[in-house]
C-alpha cells in the first residue's frame, strides 16, 4: 500500500510540475527574451554563425581534461579496498597520461590564446 501511495504521489507531483513548466513561460511574453544576450549572438538569427577556431580547440581540450579528471574521482574509495598497489599504479598511469597530454598541448601551442 505504501508503494502505491508513493508512486501516485510521484506521478501527480511530476504531472503538476510539467504543467507548470509548460504554462508558466507562455505568461511572460516580453521583448527582453528576443534581445541579444550575454554572448552577443542574436537568438532569432541564424544558428550557423562562425566563431574562433582557437575557442573551439580550448573548449575541446577542457572537455577532454575534465573527463580524464573525472576518472580520478573514485580513487579515495578504491584505496579502501586493500589492493593499494593496483590503485597506485592505475592512478600514476592516469596522471602520466594527463601530464603527457598537457605537455603535448603546451609544446604545440594549443593553449596559446593570443596567437
Protein backbone atom coordinates (compact mmCIF):
# COMPACT_ATOMS: atom_id res chain seq x y z
CA UNK A 1 0.00 0.00 0.00
CA UNK A 2 2.87 2.38 0.81
CA UNK A 3 4.41 1.75 -2.60
CA UNK A 4 1.13 2.62 -4.32
CA UNK A 5 0.79 5.88 -2.37
CA UNK A 6 4.41 6.80 -3.10
CA UNK A 7 4.05 6.11 -6.82
CA UNK A 8 0.78 8.05 -7.07
CA UNK A 9 2.33 10.99 -5.21
CA UNK A 10 5.36 10.97 -7.52
CA UNK A 11 3.26 10.76 -10.67
CA UNK A 12 0.91 13.55 -9.51
CA UNK A 13 3.77 15.81 -8.48
CA UNK A 14 5.57 15.18 -11.79
CA UNK A 15 2.45 15.99 -13.79
CA UNK A 16 1.86 19.19 -11.81
CA UNK A 17 5.46 20.33 -12.28
CA UNK A 18 5.43 19.56 -16.01
CA UNK A 19 2.18 21.51 -16.50
CA UNK A 20 3.50 24.48 -14.53
CA UNK A 21 6.73 24.42 -16.56
CA UNK A 22 4.71 24.27 -19.78
CA UNK A 23 2.21 27.05 -18.98
CA UNK A 24 4.39 29.46 -16.99
CA UNK A 25 6.70 30.64 -19.84
CA UNK A 26 3.69 31.49 -22.00
CA UNK A 27 2.51 34.04 -19.45
CA UNK A 28 5.71 36.12 -19.57
CA UNK A 29 5.88 37.47 -23.11
CA UNK A 30 8.16 40.50 -23.18
CA UNK A 31 10.76 41.92 -25.54
CA UNK A 32 13.81 41.11 -23.40
CA UNK A 33 13.55 37.47 -24.40
CA UNK A 34 14.13 38.40 -28.05
CA UNK A 35 17.08 40.71 -27.36
CA UNK A 36 20.71 39.57 -27.70
CA UNK A 37 22.07 38.04 -24.54
CA UNK A 38 25.46 37.93 -22.86
CA UNK A 39 27.44 36.13 -25.56
CA UNK A 40 26.29 38.59 -28.21
CA UNK A 41 24.56 36.19 -30.61
CA UNK A 42 21.12 37.14 -31.89
CA UNK A 43 18.71 34.43 -30.67
CA UNK A 44 16.37 34.92 -33.64
CA UNK A 45 19.10 34.85 -36.29
CA UNK A 46 20.96 32.01 -37.96
CA UNK A 47 22.38 29.32 -35.72
CA UNK A 48 25.35 28.84 -38.06
CA UNK A 49 27.48 31.80 -37.00
CA UNK A 50 31.28 31.47 -37.31
CA UNK A 51 33.38 31.50 -34.16
CA UNK A 52 37.07 31.35 -33.39
CA UNK A 53 38.79 28.03 -34.00
CA UNK A 54 41.05 28.80 -31.02
CA UNK A 55 37.97 28.93 -28.79
CA UNK A 56 36.83 25.57 -30.17
CA UNK A 57 40.22 23.94 -29.51
CA UNK A 58 40.41 25.32 -25.96
CA UNK A 59 36.87 24.09 -25.28
CA UNK A 60 37.63 20.59 -26.60
CA UNK A 61 40.86 20.44 -24.60
CA UNK A 62 38.98 21.48 -21.47
CA UNK A 63 36.35 18.79 -22.04
CA UNK A 64 38.97 16.08 -22.54
CA UNK A 65 40.93 17.01 -19.42
CA UNK A 66 37.72 17.40 -17.43
CA UNK A 67 36.61 13.88 -18.37
CA UNK A 68 40.03 12.47 -17.55
CA UNK A 69 40.00 14.17 -14.14
CA UNK A 70 36.56 12.64 -13.53
CA UNK A 71 38.27 9.25 -13.82
CA UNK A 72 40.40 10.18 -10.79
CA UNK A 73 37.42 10.95 -8.53
CA UNK A 74 36.74 7.35 -7.36
CA UNK A 75 40.35 6.86 -6.20
CA UNK A 76 39.70 7.65 -2.49
CA UNK A 77 37.03 4.94 -2.41
CA UNK A 78 39.26 2.49 -4.28
CA UNK A 79 42.05 2.95 -1.72
CA UNK A 80 39.78 1.50 0.99
CA UNK A 81 39.65 -1.91 -0.73
CA UNK A 82 43.03 -3.39 0.16
CA UNK A 83 44.65 -3.58 -3.33
CA UNK A 84 46.73 -0.46 -2.78
CA UNK A 85 49.39 -1.37 -5.37
CA UNK A 86 46.88 -1.63 -8.20
CA UNK A 87 45.21 1.64 -7.24
CA UNK A 88 48.53 3.48 -7.04
CA UNK A 89 49.69 2.10 -10.41
CA UNK A 90 46.38 2.99 -12.07
CA UNK A 91 46.47 6.48 -10.57
CA UNK A 92 50.05 7.04 -11.70
CA UNK A 93 49.13 5.81 -15.19
CA UNK A 94 46.19 8.21 -15.44
CA UNK A 95 48.26 11.12 -14.11
CA UNK A 96 51.03 10.28 -16.59
CA UNK A 97 48.54 10.34 -19.47
CA UNK A 98 47.20 13.69 -18.23
CA UNK A 99 50.70 15.16 -17.90
CA UNK A 100 51.76 13.91 -21.35
CA UNK A 101 48.60 15.36 -22.91
CA UNK A 102 49.18 18.69 -21.20
CA UNK A 103 52.82 18.79 -22.34
CA UNK A 104 51.77 17.94 -25.90
CA UNK A 105 49.21 20.76 -25.94
CA UNK A 106 51.71 23.15 -24.38
CA UNK A 107 54.55 22.39 -26.81
CA UNK A 108 52.25 22.57 -29.85
CA UNK A 109 50.98 25.94 -28.59
CA UNK A 110 47.45 24.63 -28.32
CA UNK A 111 46.97 26.63 -25.12
CA UNK A 112 48.13 29.96 -26.57
CA UNK A 113 45.07 32.17 -26.77
CA UNK A 114 46.76 35.31 -28.12
CA UNK A 115 48.18 33.91 -31.35
